[in-house]
Amino acid sequence: MPFSPLKQNIPSVQNVIQRYCDKYELTIFRAHRDRLPPPESQESVSALIRKMEQNGIPYFVEEVFDNRSVTSGRPKAEIVLELLETIEKLQIQTFQDIQACLNQPMQQQNLIRAITAIHGIGEATSRYFLMLAGDEQMVKPDTMILRFIKNAIGISVYEVGAVKLIQAVSQQLLPQYPELNPRLLDYLIWSWQRNQSDSKNPPPLHKEKSALSKDKPKRNEKTLPAHREEAMTIPKKTQRAMHKRYLPGQLLSSAQIKDDVLEDYPGTPRGSVMPPDYCCNKWNNDPASGIHHVFFYEQSQNKYRLLPELDLTVPRQRGNCIDGLHLGASAR
């Protein structure tokens, strides 16, 4: 079980896993990389929970993991135990259970929501957890990945753009490298870029593209004529600004949403951007409220989870969240 969401700490994560396997005489690597080991040969989530509960967090920190790292004011070992208890409640015990969950959009969203509700685990950590758990389509666009892309094409991209680029390139390379997938390509890029870390500003791979004038708009930033921007609805502006920056599932505050919309559309009055009105599970008496599904309101966190990009020209039924991915409606 990983202890850190950061790829920079991969050696320390590997050390922790090695110590745990040595302590309990477990095999650390599967026999075949291209397929999962049978469930009976894996240590179940419940088995690890029992060990941690019987011996206590301090024992695992000092004697088993030998890792005293703290995240968000909590020992990482404590966070791991809560993570294990959370996925156990979702009937996840083995890699096969994780795979089954990832193949069902609703179950995957429920898993991500449950994981990110844990204090000390954010969006990046949840994505990295799913990568390590076997999601081959998952990409974690951290600093190394974004730096590599900028050096390669000469422009900066947002995280969502980085994910789409890596997934597209992985698909294009499949005929030459049949075993390649976005997760593996992500790791190869990260490993290569990490070896360049001696230079904070390594030479770009394409100098002619990196020499773009600073006053030119970036390729992924669309400059709309004034009449088109005026005609675009506030919900559509909000949706476009969000999907330009974030992946579906990202948790956002109301202030963050407004800041991003105003950055892309400076003439928009801040008070006209109303995230509560663009939720599938939150609305008021205004007939236009709750019919443009851009977010799912997470009441316990008072934040807005970005939904997949839907056609906003089609009014939708209040409480009917995401076509084919019903998250359920909460009270207004």
C-alpha atoms as a PDB file:
ATOM      1  CA  MET A   1       0.000   0.000   0.000  1.00  0.00           C
ATOM      2  CA  PRO A   2       1.599   3.320  -1.068  1.00  0.00           C
ATOM      3  CA  PHE A   3       2.573   5.866   1.550  1.00  0.00           C
ATOM      4  CA  SER A   4       2.986   8.897  -0.645  1.00  0.00           C
ATOM      5  CA  PRO A   5       1.144  10.519  -3.530  1.00  0.00           C
ATOM      6  CA  LEU A   6       4.380  11.966  -4.848  1.00  0.00           C
ATOM      7  CA  LYS A   7       6.453  10.136  -7.408  1.00  0.00           C
ATOM      8  CA  GLN A   8       9.527  11.887  -6.030  1.00  0.00           C
ATOM      9  CA  ASN A   9       9.194   9.583  -3.029  1.00  0.00           C
ATOM     10  CA  ILE A  10       9.047   6.339  -5.005  1.00  0.00           C
ATOM     11  CA  PRO A  11      12.308   5.006  -3.434  1.00  0.00           C
ATOM     12  CA  SER A  12      10.944   5.614   0.085  1.00  0.00           C
ATOM     13  CA  VAL A  13       7.642   3.962  -0.873  1.00  0.00           C
ATOM     14  CA  GLN A  14       9.512   0.961  -2.242  1.00  0.00           C
ATOM     15  CA  ASN A  15      11.565   0.752   0.946  1.00  0.00           C
ATOM     16  CA  VAL A  16       8.433   0.705   3.103  1.00  0.00           C
ATOM     17  CA  ILE A  17       6.865  -2.033   0.990  1.00  0.00           C
ATOM     18  CA  GLN A  18      10.083  -4.052   1.083  1.00  0.00           C
ATOM     19  CA  ARG A  19      10.271  -3.805   4.884  1.00  0.00           C
ATOM     20  CA  TYR A  20       6.663  -4.896   5.251  1.00  0.00           C
ATOM     21  CA  CYS A  21       7.141  -7.885   2.936  1.00  0.00           C
ATOM     22  CA  ASP A  22      10.360  -8.880   4.703  1.00  0.00           C
ATOM     23  CA  LYS A  23       8.667  -8.660   8.103  1.00  0.00           C
ATOM     24  CA  TYR A  24       5.778 -10.928   7.133  1.00  0.00           C
ATOM     25  CA  GLU A  25       7.608 -13.037   4.534  1.00  0.00           C
ATOM     26  CA  LEU A  26       5.486 -11.954   1.589  1.00  0.00           C
ATOM     27  CA  THR A  27       6.384 -12.006  -2.107  1.00  0.00           C
ATOM     28  CA  ILE A  28       6.811  -8.425  -3.269  1.00  0.00           C
ATOM     29  CA  PHE A  29       6.476  -8.896  -7.039  1.00  0.00           C
ATOM     30  CA  ARG A  30       3.905 -10.829  -9.034  1.00  0.00           C
ATOM     31  CA  ALA A  31       5.103 -13.688 -11.222  1.00  0.00           C
ATOM     32  CA  HIS A  32       3.680 -12.211 -14.436  1.00  0.00           C
ATOM     33  CA  ARG A  33       3.588  -8.494 -15.096  1.00  0.00           C
ATOM     34  CA  ASP A  34       0.818  -8.783 -17.678  1.00  0.00           C
ATOM     35  CA  ARG A  35      -1.761 -10.423 -15.398  1.00  0.00           C
ATOM     36  CA  LEU A  36      -2.930 -10.241 -11.818  1.00  0.00           C
ATOM     37  CA  PRO A  37      -1.950 -12.953  -9.340  1.00  0.00           C
ATOM     38  CA  PRO A  38      -4.830 -15.182  -8.206  1.00  0.00           C
ATOM     39  CA  PRO A  39      -6.738 -13.761  -5.201  1.00  0.00           C
ATOM     40  CA  GLU A  40      -5.681 -16.622  -2.940  1.00  0.00           C
ATOM     41  CA  SER A  41      -2.015 -15.673  -3.400  1.00  0.00           C
ATOM     42  CA  GLN A  42      -2.596 -12.039  -2.355  1.00  0.00           C
ATOM     43  CA  GLU A  43      -2.744 -10.654   1.155  1.00  0.00           C
ATOM     44  CA  SER A  44      -6.241  -9.274   1.626  1.00  0.00           C
ATOM     45  CA  VAL A  45      -7.066  -5.767   2.789  1.00  0.00           C
ATOM     46  CA  SER A  46      -8.728  -7.204   5.908  1.00  0.00           C
ATOM     47  CA  ALA A  47      -5.593  -9.175   6.812  1.00  0.00           C
ATOM     48  CA  LEU A  48      -3.474  -6.025   6.804  1.00  0.00           C
ATOM     49  CA  ILE A  49      -6.110  -4.164   8.822  1.00  0.00           C
ATOM     50  CA  ARG A  50      -6.048  -6.895  11.479  1.00  0.00           C
ATOM     51  CA  LYS A  51      -2.263  -6.701  11.749  1.00  0.00           C
ATOM     52  CA  MET A  52      -2.300  -2.930  12.144  1.00  0.00           C
ATOM     53  CA  GLU A  53      -5.135  -2.968  14.687  1.00  0.00           C
ATOM     54  CA  GLN A  54      -3.628  -5.785  16.753  1.00  0.00           C
ATOM     55  CA  ASN A  55      -0.147  -4.267  16.919  1.00  0.00           C
ATOM     56  CA  GLY A  56      -1.066  -0.578  16.851  1.00  0.00           C
ATOM     57  CA  ILE A  57       0.024   2.358  14.695  1.00  0.00           C
ATOM     58  CA  PRO A  58       3.173   3.174  16.778  1.00  0.00           C
ATOM     59  CA  TYR A  59       4.453  -0.391  16.339  1.00  0.00           C
ATOM     60  CA  PHE A  60       3.983  -0.251  12.573  1.00  0.00           C
ATOM     61  CA  VAL A  61       5.585   3.181  12.353  1.00  0.00           C
ATOM     62  CA  GLU A  62       8.688   2.138  14.305  1.00  0.00           C
ATOM     63  CA  GLU A  63       9.091  -1.614  13.819  1.00  0.00           C
ATOM     64  CA  VAL A  64       7.483  -2.491  10.501  1.00  0.00           C
ATOM     65  CA  PHE A  65       7.413   0.477   8.138  1.00  0.00           C
ATOM     66  CA  ASP A  66      10.274   2.364   9.818  1.00  0.00           C
ATOM     67  CA  ASN A  67       8.686   5.480   8.376  1.00  0.00           C
ATOM     68  CA  ARG A  68       7.730   8.440  10.556  1.00  0.00           C
ATOM     69  CA  SER A  69       6.435  10.674   7.782  1.00  0.00           C
ATOM     70  CA  VAL A  70       3.485  12.947   8.516  1.00  0.00           C
ATOM     71  CA  THR A  71       0.904  14.360   6.100  1.00  0.00           C
ATOM     72  CA  SER A  72      -1.683  16.995   7.043  1.00  0.00           C
ATOM     73  CA  GLY A  73      -0.649  16.583  10.672  1.00  0.00           C
ATOM     74  CA  ARG A  74      -1.273  12.817  10.660  1.00  0.00           C
ATOM     75  CA  PRO A  75       1.188   9.900  10.567  1.00  0.00           C
ATOM     76  CA  LYS A  76       1.007   8.336   7.131  1.00  0.00           C
ATOM     77  CA  ALA A  77       0.551   4.923   8.729  1.00  0.00           C
ATOM     78  CA  GLU A  78      -2.645   6.222  10.344  1.00  0.00           C
ATOM     79  CA  ILE A  79      -3.884   7.494   6.986  1.00  0.00           C
ATOM     80  CA  VAL A  80      -3.119   4.123   5.391  1.00  0.00           C
ATOM     81  CA  LEU A  81      -5.196   2.329   8.027  1.00  0.00           C
ATOM     82  CA  GLU A  82      -8.160   4.623   7.415  1.00  0.00           C
ATOM     83  CA  LEU A  83      -7.760   4.097   3.665  1.00  0.00           C
ATOM     84  CA  LEU A  84      -7.788   0.321   4.171  1.00  0.00           C
ATOM     85  CA  GLU A  85     -10.898   0.519   6.343  1.00  0.00           C
ATOM     86  CA  THR A  86     -12.593   2.709   3.736  1.00  0.00           C
ATOM     87  CA  ILE A  87     -12.003   0.391   0.797  1.00  0.00           C
ATOM     88  CA  GLU A  88     -12.886  -2.630   2.934  1.00  0.00           C
ATOM     89  CA  LYS A  89     -16.352  -1.099   3.410  1.00  0.00           C
ATOM     90  CA  LEU A  90     -16.602  -0.939  -0.390  1.00  0.00           C
ATOM     91  CA  GLN A  91     -16.022  -4.712  -0.585  1.00  0.00           C
ATOM     92  CA  ILE A  92     -12.484  -4.323  -1.943  1.00  0.00           C
ATOM     93  CA  GLN A  93     -10.023  -7.005  -0.805  1.00  0.00           C
ATOM     94  CA  THR A  94      -7.795  -7.806  -3.805  1.00  0.00           C
ATOM     95  CA  PHE A  95      -6.491  -6.384  -7.065  1.00  0.00           C
ATOM     96  CA  GLN A  96      -9.367  -8.117  -8.836  1.00  0.00           C
ATOM     97  CA  ASP A  97     -11.842  -6.191  -6.698  1.00  0.00           C
ATOM     98  CA  ILE A  98     -10.144  -2.925  -7.616  1.00  0.00           C
ATOM     99  CA  GLN A  99     -10.276  -3.802 -11.320  1.00  0.00           C
ATOM    100  CA  ALA A 100     -13.974  -4.612 -11.104  1.00  0.00           C
ATOM    101  CA  CYS A 101     -14.570  -1.252  -9.410  1.00  0.00           C
ATOM    102  CA  LEU A 102     -12.580   0.657 -12.053  1.00  0.00           C
ATOM    103  CA  ASN A 103     -14.634  -0.928 -14.825  1.00  0.00           C
ATOM    104  CA  GLN A 104     -17.868   0.498 -13.401  1.00  0.00           C
ATOM    105  CA  PRO A 105     -18.047   4.330 -13.710  1.00  0.00           C
ATOM    106  CA  MET A 106     -20.434   4.762 -10.773  1.00  0.00           C
ATOM    107  CA  GLN A 107     -18.383   2.505  -8.499  1.00  0.00           C
ATOM    108  CA  GLN A 108     -15.189   4.254  -9.533  1.00  0.00           C
ATOM    109  CA  GLN A 109     -16.670   7.647  -8.655  1.00  0.00           C
ATOM    110  CA  ASN A 110     -17.880   6.311  -5.311  1.00  0.00           C
ATOM    111  CA  LEU A 111     -14.390   4.984  -4.612  1.00  0.00           C
ATOM    112  CA  ILE A 112     -12.730   8.301  -5.446  1.00  0.00           C
ATOM    113  CA  ARG A 113     -15.246  10.222  -3.337  1.00  0.00           C
ATOM    114  CA  ALA A 114     -14.674   7.895  -0.374  1.00  0.00           C
ATOM    115  CA  ILE A 115     -10.889   8.119  -0.640  1.00  0.00           C
ATOM    116  CA  THR A 116     -10.723  11.903  -0.991  1.00  0.00           C
ATOM    117  CA  ALA A 117     -12.979  12.301   2.055  1.00  0.00           C
ATOM    118  CA  ILE A 118     -10.090  11.006   4.194  1.00  0.00           C
ATOM    119  CA  HIS A 119      -8.133  13.800   5.870  1.00  0.00           C
ATOM    120  CA  GLY A 120      -4.678  13.722   4.300  1.00  0.00           C
ATOM    121  CA  ILE A 121      -5.703  12.289   0.922  1.00  0.00           C
ATOM    122  CA  GLY A 122      -6.460  14.682  -1.912  1.00  0.00           C
ATOM    123  CA  GLU A 123      -7.178  14.365  -5.617  1.00  0.00           C
ATOM    124  CA  ALA A 124      -3.535  13.737  -6.557  1.00  0.00           C
ATOM    125  CA  THR A 125      -3.160  11.000  -3.960  1.00  0.00           C
ATOM    126  CA  SER A 126      -6.356   9.276  -5.063  1.00  0.00           C
ATOM    127  CA  ARG A 127      -5.213   9.274  -8.690  1.00  0.00           C
ATOM    128  CA  TYR A 128      -1.817   7.865  -7.743  1.00  0.00           C
ATOM    129  CA  PHE A 129      -3.445   5.206  -5.575  1.00  0.00           C
ATOM    130  CA  LEU A 130      -5.557   4.061  -8.525  1.00  0.00           C
ATOM    131  CA  MET A 131      -2.469   4.013 -10.743  1.00  0.00           C
ATOM    132  CA  LEU A 132      -0.629   1.788  -8.287  1.00  0.00           C
ATOM    133  CA  ALA A 133      -3.738  -0.346  -7.890  1.00  0.00           C
ATOM    134  CA  GLY A 134      -3.723  -1.145 -11.592  1.00  0.00           C
ATOM    135  CA  ASP A 135      -5.649   1.532 -13.508  1.00  0.00           C
ATOM    136  CA  GLU A 136      -3.629   1.538 -16.732  1.00  0.00           C
ATOM    137  CA  GLN A 137      -5.450   4.570 -18.157  1.00  0.00           C
ATOM    138  CA  MET A 138      -4.682   6.764 -15.144  1.00  0.00           C
ATOM    139  CA  VAL A 139      -2.124   9.564 -15.457  1.00  0.00           C
ATOM    140  CA  LYS A 140      -0.804  11.810 -12.682  1.00  0.00           C
ATOM    141  CA  PRO A 141       0.272  15.112 -14.294  1.00  0.00           C
ATOM    142  CA  ASP A 142       2.680  16.382 -11.647  1.00  0.00           C
ATOM    143  CA  THR A 143       5.513  18.905 -12.030  1.00  0.00           C
ATOM    144  CA  MET A 144       7.816  16.478 -13.850  1.00  0.00           C
ATOM    145  CA  ILE A 145       5.168  15.562 -16.414  1.00  0.00           C
ATOM    146  CA  LEU A 146       4.142  19.172 -17.036  1.00  0.00           C
ATOM    147  CA  ARG A 147       7.778  20.243 -17.369  1.00  0.00           C
ATOM    148  CA  PHE A 148       8.473  17.497 -19.911  1.00  0.00           C
ATOM    149  CA  ILE A 149       5.484  18.505 -22.032  1.00  0.00           C
ATOM    150  CA  LYS A 150       6.434  22.174 -21.924  1.00  0.00           C
ATOM    151  CA  ASN A 151       9.985  21.365 -23.041  1.00  0.00           C
ATOM    152  CA  ALA A 152       8.675  19.059 -25.764  1.00  0.00           C
ATOM    153  CA  ILE A 153       6.081  21.321 -27.398  1.00  0.00           C
ATOM    154  CA  GLY A 154       7.188  24.743 -26.220  1.00  0.00           C
ATOM    155  CA  ILE A 155       4.008  25.710 -24.364  1.00  0.00           C
ATOM    156  CA  SER A 156       2.538  25.110 -20.925  1.00  0.00           C
ATOM    157  CA  VAL A 157      -0.594  23.024 -20.586  1.00  0.00           C
ATOM    158  CA  TYR A 158      -3.039  22.530 -17.745  1.00  0.00           C
ATOM    159  CA  GLU A 159      -3.272  19.166 -16.011  1.00  0.00           C
ATOM    160  CA  VAL A 160      -6.295  18.062 -18.005  1.00  0.00           C
ATOM    161  CA  GLY A 161      -4.451  18.796 -21.241  1.00  0.00           C
ATOM    162  CA  ALA A 162      -1.433  16.823 -20.067  1.00  0.00           C
ATOM    163  CA  VAL A 163      -3.595  13.791 -19.329  1.00  0.00           C
ATOM    164  CA  LYS A 164      -5.223  13.913 -22.759  1.00  0.00           C
ATOM    165  CA  LEU A 165      -1.839  14.311 -24.482  1.00  0.00           C
ATOM    166  CA  ILE A 166      -0.284  11.320 -22.726  1.00  0.00           C
ATOM    167  CA  GLN A 167      -3.321   9.150 -23.393  1.00  0.00           C
ATOM    168  CA  ALA A 168      -3.333  10.147 -27.069  1.00  0.00           C
ATOM    169  CA  VAL A 169       0.412   9.567 -27.516  1.00  0.00           C
ATOM    170  CA  SER A 170       0.143   6.201 -25.792  1.00  0.00           C
ATOM    171  CA  GLN A 171      -2.577   5.205 -28.254  1.00  0.00           C
ATOM    172  CA  GLN A 172      -0.490   6.312 -31.235  1.00  0.00           C
ATOM    173  CA  LEU A 173       2.534   4.312 -30.046  1.00  0.00           C
ATOM    174  CA  LEU A 174       0.597   1.075 -29.525  1.00  0.00           C
ATOM    175  CA  PRO A 175       1.467  -0.414 -32.967  1.00  0.00           C
ATOM    176  CA  GLN A 176       5.175  -0.091 -32.132  1.00  0.00           C
ATOM    177  CA  TYR A 177       4.888  -0.885 -28.420  1.00  0.00           C
ATOM    178  CA  PRO A 178       1.910  -3.216 -27.825  1.00  0.00           C
ATOM    179  CA  GLU A 179       2.456  -3.337 -24.060  1.00  0.00           C
ATOM    180  CA  LEU A 180       2.433   0.441 -23.654  1.00  0.00           C
ATOM    181  CA  ASN A 181      -0.399   2.165 -21.772  1.00  0.00           C
ATOM    182  CA  PRO A 182      -0.890   5.706 -20.358  1.00  0.00           C
ATOM    183  CA  ARG A 183       0.202   4.688 -16.855  1.00  0.00           C
ATOM    184  CA  LEU A 184       3.474   3.180 -18.106  1.00  0.00           C
ATOM    185  CA  LEU A 185       4.136   6.114 -20.420  1.00  0.00           C
ATOM    186  CA  ASP A 186       3.512   8.488 -17.499  1.00  0.00           C
ATOM    187  CA  TYR A 187       6.135   6.656 -15.448  1.00  0.00           C
ATOM    188  CA  LEU A 188       8.673   6.560 -18.311  1.00  0.00           C
ATOM    189  CA  ILE A 189       8.291  10.300 -18.896  1.00  0.00           C
ATOM    190  CA  TRP A 190       8.538  11.050 -15.190  1.00  0.00           C
ATOM    191  CA  SER A 191      11.663   8.895 -14.789  1.00  0.00           C
ATOM    192  CA  TRP A 192      13.363  10.532 -17.747  1.00  0.00           C
ATOM    193  CA  GLN A 193      12.484  14.043 -16.598  1.00  0.00           C
ATOM    194  CA  ARG A 194      13.657  13.295 -13.076  1.00  0.00           C
ATOM    195  CA  ASN A 195      17.121  12.463 -14.435  1.00  0.00           C
ATOM    196  CA  GLN A 196      17.211  15.950 -15.958  1.00  0.00           C
ATOM    197  CA  SER A 197      16.518  17.561 -12.579  1.00  0.00           C
ATOM    198  CA  ASP A 198      20.125  18.745 -12.243  1.00  0.00           C
ATOM    199  CA  SER A 199      19.086  21.521 -14.578  1.00  0.00           C
ATOM    200  CA  LYS A 200      16.039  23.517 -13.511  1.00  0.00           C
ATOM    201  CA  ASN A 201      15.631  24.778 -17.074  1.00  0.00           C
ATOM    202  CA  PRO A 202      16.796  22.009 -19.414  1.00  0.00           C
ATOM    203  CA  PRO A 203      17.025  22.879 -23.123  1.00  0.00           C
ATOM    204  CA  PRO A 204      13.677  22.494 -24.877  1.00  0.00           C
ATOM    205  CA  LEU A 205      13.244  19.554 -27.225  1.00  0.00           C
ATOM    206  CA  HIS A 206      11.916  21.899 -29.928  1.00  0.00           C
ATOM    207  CA  LYS A 207      13.637  25.271 -29.712  1.00  0.00           C
ATOM    208  CA  GLU A 208      11.600  26.831 -32.470  1.00  0.00           C
ATOM    209  CA  LYS A 209       8.381  26.234 -30.514  1.00  0.00           C
ATOM    210  CA  SER A 210       9.779  27.365 -27.187  1.00  0.00           C
ATOM    211  CA  ALA A 211      10.669  30.700 -28.722  1.00  0.00           C
ATOM    212  CA  LEU A 212       7.032  31.695 -29.066  1.00  0.00           C
ATOM    213  CA  SER A 213       6.421  35.323 -28.243  1.00  0.00           C
ATOM    214  CA  LYS A 214       5.129  35.840 -24.716  1.00  0.00           C
ATOM    215  CA  ASP A 215       2.344  38.083 -25.943  1.00  0.00           C
ATOM    216  CA  LYS A 216       0.863  35.355 -28.141  1.00  0.00           C
ATOM    217  CA  PRO A 217      -1.993  33.340 -26.686  1.00  0.00           C
ATOM    218  CA  LYS A 218      -1.127  29.798 -25.683  1.00  0.00           C
ATOM    219  CA  ARG A 219      -2.432  27.138 -28.027  1.00  0.00           C
ATOM    220  CA  ASN A 220      -4.803  25.735 -25.415  1.00  0.00           C
ATOM    221  CA  GLU A 221      -6.185  29.145 -24.507  1.00  0.00           C
ATOM    222  CA  LYS A 222      -8.907  30.236 -26.928  1.00  0.00           C
ATOM    223  CA  THR A 223      -9.332  33.943 -27.546  1.00  0.00           C
ATOM    224  CA  LEU A 224     -13.008  34.542 -28.268  1.00  0.00           C
ATOM    225  CA  PRO A 225     -14.324  37.581 -30.128  1.00  0.00           C
ATOM    226  CA  ALA A 226     -16.237  39.965 -27.891  1.00  0.00           C
ATOM    227  CA  HIS A 227     -19.622  39.190 -29.517  1.00  0.00           C
ATOM    228  CA  ARG A 228     -19.144  35.423 -29.067  1.00  0.00           C
ATOM    229  CA  GLU A 229     -18.094  35.792 -25.436  1.00  0.00           C
ATOM    230  CA  GLU A 230     -21.136  37.955 -24.767  1.00  0.00           C
ATOM    231  CA  ALA A 231     -23.428  35.340 -26.366  1.00  0.00           C
ATOM    232  CA  MET A 232     -22.016  32.483 -24.310  1.00  0.00           C
ATOM    233  CA  THR A 233     -24.070  31.697 -21.219  1.00  0.00           C
ATOM    234  CA  ILE A 234     -22.554  31.899 -17.749  1.00  0.00           C
ATOM    235  CA  PRO A 235     -22.968  28.136 -17.173  1.00  0.00           C
ATOM    236  CA  LYS A 236     -21.141  27.441 -20.458  1.00  0.00           C
ATOM    237  CA  LYS A 237     -18.350  29.868 -19.550  1.00  0.00           C
ATOM    238  CA  THR A 238     -18.049  28.108 -16.207  1.00  0.00           C
ATOM    239  CA  GLN A 239     -17.987  24.664 -17.784  1.00  0.00           C
ATOM    240  CA  ARG A 240     -15.402  25.652 -20.379  1.00  0.00           C
ATOM    241  CA  ALA A 241     -13.125  27.307 -17.811  1.00  0.00           C
ATOM    242  CA  MET A 242     -13.292  24.258 -15.538  1.00  0.00           C
ATOM    243  CA  HIS A 243     -12.633  21.601 -18.189  1.00  0.00           C
ATOM    244  CA  LYS A 244      -9.773  23.662 -19.536  1.00  0.00           C
ATOM    245  CA  ARG A 245      -8.037  23.288 -16.173  1.00  0.00           C
ATOM    246  CA  TYR A 246      -9.337  20.227 -14.347  1.00  0.00           C
ATOM    247  CA  LEU A 247     -10.341  16.623 -14.822  1.00  0.00           C
ATOM    248  CA  PRO A 248     -13.838  15.372 -13.987  1.00  0.00           C
ATOM    249  CA  GLY A 249     -14.045  14.533 -10.300  1.00  0.00           C
ATOM    250  CA  GLN A 250     -11.935  17.501  -9.152  1.00  0.00           C
ATOM    251  CA  LEU A 251     -13.234  19.178  -5.978  1.00  0.00           C
ATOM    252  CA  LEU A 252     -13.451  22.972  -6.231  1.00  0.00           C
ATOM    253  CA  SER A 253     -14.463  25.800  -3.948  1.00  0.00           C
ATOM    254  CA  SER A 254     -16.919  28.483  -5.034  1.00  0.00           C
ATOM    255  CA  ALA A 255     -14.188  31.146  -4.900  1.00  0.00           C
ATOM    256  CA  GLN A 256     -11.852  29.053  -7.020  1.00  0.00           C
ATOM    257  CA  ILE A 257     -14.541  28.513  -9.645  1.00  0.00           C
ATOM    258  CA  LYS A 258     -15.300  32.231  -9.834  1.00  0.00           C
ATOM    259  CA  ASP A 259     -11.618  33.175 -10.041  1.00  0.00           C
ATOM    260  CA  ASP A 260     -11.076  30.797 -12.965  1.00  0.00           C
ATOM    261  CA  VAL A 261     -14.141  32.015 -14.878  1.00  0.00           C
ATOM    262  CA  LEU A 262     -13.171  35.670 -14.444  1.00  0.00           C
ATOM    263  CA  GLU A 263      -9.609  34.922 -15.520  1.00  0.00           C
ATOM    264  CA  ASP A 264     -10.875  33.554 -18.847  1.00  0.00           C
ATOM    265  CA  TYR A 265     -13.803  35.966 -19.241  1.00  0.00           C
ATOM    266  CA  PRO A 266     -12.776  39.270 -17.553  1.00  0.00           C
ATOM    267  CA  GLY A 267     -15.986  41.060 -18.506  1.00  0.00           C
ATOM    268  CA  THR A 268     -18.167  38.650 -16.570  1.00  0.00           C
ATOM    269  CA  PRO A 269     -19.581  40.103 -13.307  1.00  0.00           C
ATOM    270  CA  ARG A 270     -18.332  37.987 -10.422  1.00  0.00           C
ATOM    271  CA  GLY A 271     -21.776  37.941  -8.835  1.00  0.00           C
ATOM    272  CA  SER A 272     -23.284  36.361 -11.943  1.00  0.00           C
ATOM    273  CA  VAL A 273     -21.167  33.206 -11.558  1.00  0.00           C
ATOM    274  CA  MET A 274     -23.294  31.043  -9.266  1.00  0.00           C
ATOM    275  CA  PRO A 275     -21.930  27.477  -8.863  1.00  0.00           C
ATOM    276  CA  PRO A 276     -24.939  26.296  -6.775  1.00  0.00           C
ATOM    277  CA  ASP A 277     -27.178  26.880  -9.811  1.00  0.00           C
ATOM    278  CA  TYR A 278     -25.036  24.626 -12.014  1.00  0.00           C
ATOM    279  CA  CYS A 279     -25.348  21.497  -9.845  1.00  0.00           C
ATOM    280  CA  CYS A 280     -27.322  18.379 -10.669  1.00  0.00           C
ATOM    281  CA  ASN A 281     -28.235  17.835  -7.007  1.00  0.00           C
ATOM    282  CA  LYS A 282     -28.683  21.390  -5.688  1.00  0.00           C
ATOM    283  CA  TRP A 283     -31.157  24.042  -6.823  1.00  0.00           C
ATOM    284  CA  ASN A 284     -33.505  26.823  -5.728  1.00  0.00           C
ATOM    285  CA  ASN A 285     -36.825  28.243  -6.937  1.00  0.00           C
ATOM    286  CA  ASP A 286     -35.279  29.835 -10.022  1.00  0.00           C
ATOM    287  CA  PRO A 287     -36.485  27.828 -13.078  1.00  0.00           C
ATOM    288  CA  ALA A 288     -32.930  28.008 -14.516  1.00  0.00           C
ATOM    289  CA  SER A 289     -31.387  26.574 -11.334  1.00  0.00           C
ATOM    290  CA  GLY A 290     -30.371  22.919 -11.385  1.00  0.00           C
ATOM    291  CA  ILE A 291     -30.869  22.278 -15.112  1.00  0.00           C
ATOM    292  CA  HIS A 292     -27.274  22.951 -16.232  1.00  0.00           C
ATOM    293  CA  HIS A 293     -25.208  20.086 -14.860  1.00  0.00           C
ATOM    294  CA  VAL A 294     -21.618  21.242 -14.430  1.00  0.00           C
ATOM    295  CA  PHE A 295     -21.027  20.166 -10.815  1.00  0.00           C
ATOM    296  CA  PHE A 296     -22.119  17.707  -8.157  1.00  0.00           C
ATOM    297  CA  TYR A 297     -22.386  19.481  -4.797  1.00  0.00           C
ATOM    298  CA  GLU A 298     -20.540  17.712  -1.967  1.00  0.00           C
ATOM    299  CA  GLN A 299     -22.499  19.010   1.017  1.00  0.00           C
ATOM    300  CA  SER A 300     -20.197  17.523   3.687  1.00  0.00           C
ATOM    301  CA  GLN A 301     -17.216  19.406   2.233  1.00  0.00           C
ATOM    302  CA  ASN A 302     -19.087  22.451   0.892  1.00  0.00           C
ATOM    303  CA  LYS A 303     -17.326  22.000  -2.444  1.00  0.00           C
ATOM    304  CA  TYR A 304     -18.252  21.294  -6.020  1.00  0.00           C
ATOM    305  CA  ARG A 305     -17.130  18.150  -7.850  1.00  0.00           C
ATOM    306  CA  LEU A 306     -16.639  18.712 -11.575  1.00  0.00           C
ATOM    307  CA  LEU A 307     -18.832  16.474 -13.745  1.00  0.00           C
ATOM    308  CA  PRO A 308     -17.926  15.124 -17.196  1.00  0.00           C
ATOM    309  CA  GLU A 309     -18.555  17.708 -19.908  1.00  0.00           C
ATOM    310  CA  LEU A 310     -22.208  17.577 -20.952  1.00  0.00           C
ATOM    311  CA  ASP A 311     -24.160  19.445 -23.616  1.00  0.00           C
ATOM    312  CA  LEU A 312     -25.555  22.445 -21.742  1.00  0.00           C
ATOM    313  CA  THR A 313     -27.902  23.390 -24.566  1.00  0.00           C
ATOM    314  CA  VAL A 314     -30.084  20.491 -23.419  1.00  0.00           C
ATOM    315  CA  PRO A 315     -31.889  21.296 -20.127  1.00  0.00           C
ATOM    316  CA  ARG A 316     -31.610  18.380 -17.708  1.00  0.00           C
ATOM    317  CA  GLN A 317     -33.840  17.064 -14.981  1.00  0.00           C
ATOM    318  CA  ARG A 318     -33.004  18.195 -11.465  1.00  0.00           C
ATOM    319  CA  GLY A 319     -31.500  15.398  -9.385  1.00  0.00           C
ATOM    320  CA  ASN A 320     -30.692  13.224 -12.399  1.00  0.00           C
ATOM    321  CA  CYS A 321     -26.901  13.347 -12.165  1.00  0.00           C
ATOM    322  CA  ILE A 322     -24.705  12.505 -15.121  1.00  0.00           C
ATOM    323  CA  ASP A 323     -25.983  10.352 -17.961  1.00  0.00           C
ATOM    324  CA  GLY A 324     -24.860   6.796 -17.255  1.00  0.00           C
ATOM    325  CA  LEU A 325     -23.119   7.800 -14.043  1.00  0.00           C
ATOM    326  CA  HIS A 326     -25.813   8.501 -11.453  1.00  0.00           C
ATOM    327  CA  LEU A 327     -24.243   9.773  -8.253  1.00  0.00           C
ATOM    328  CA  GLY A 328     -27.547  10.222  -6.456  1.00  0.00           C
ATOM    329  CA  ALA A 329     -29.186  13.448  -5.355  1.00  0.00           C
ATOM    330  CA  SER A 330     -28.850  14.997  -1.948  1.00  0.00           C
ATOM    331  CA  ALA A 331     -31.279  17.359  -0.268  1.00  0.00           C
ATOM    332  CA  ARG A 332     -31.343  20.975  -1.315  1.00  0.00           C
END
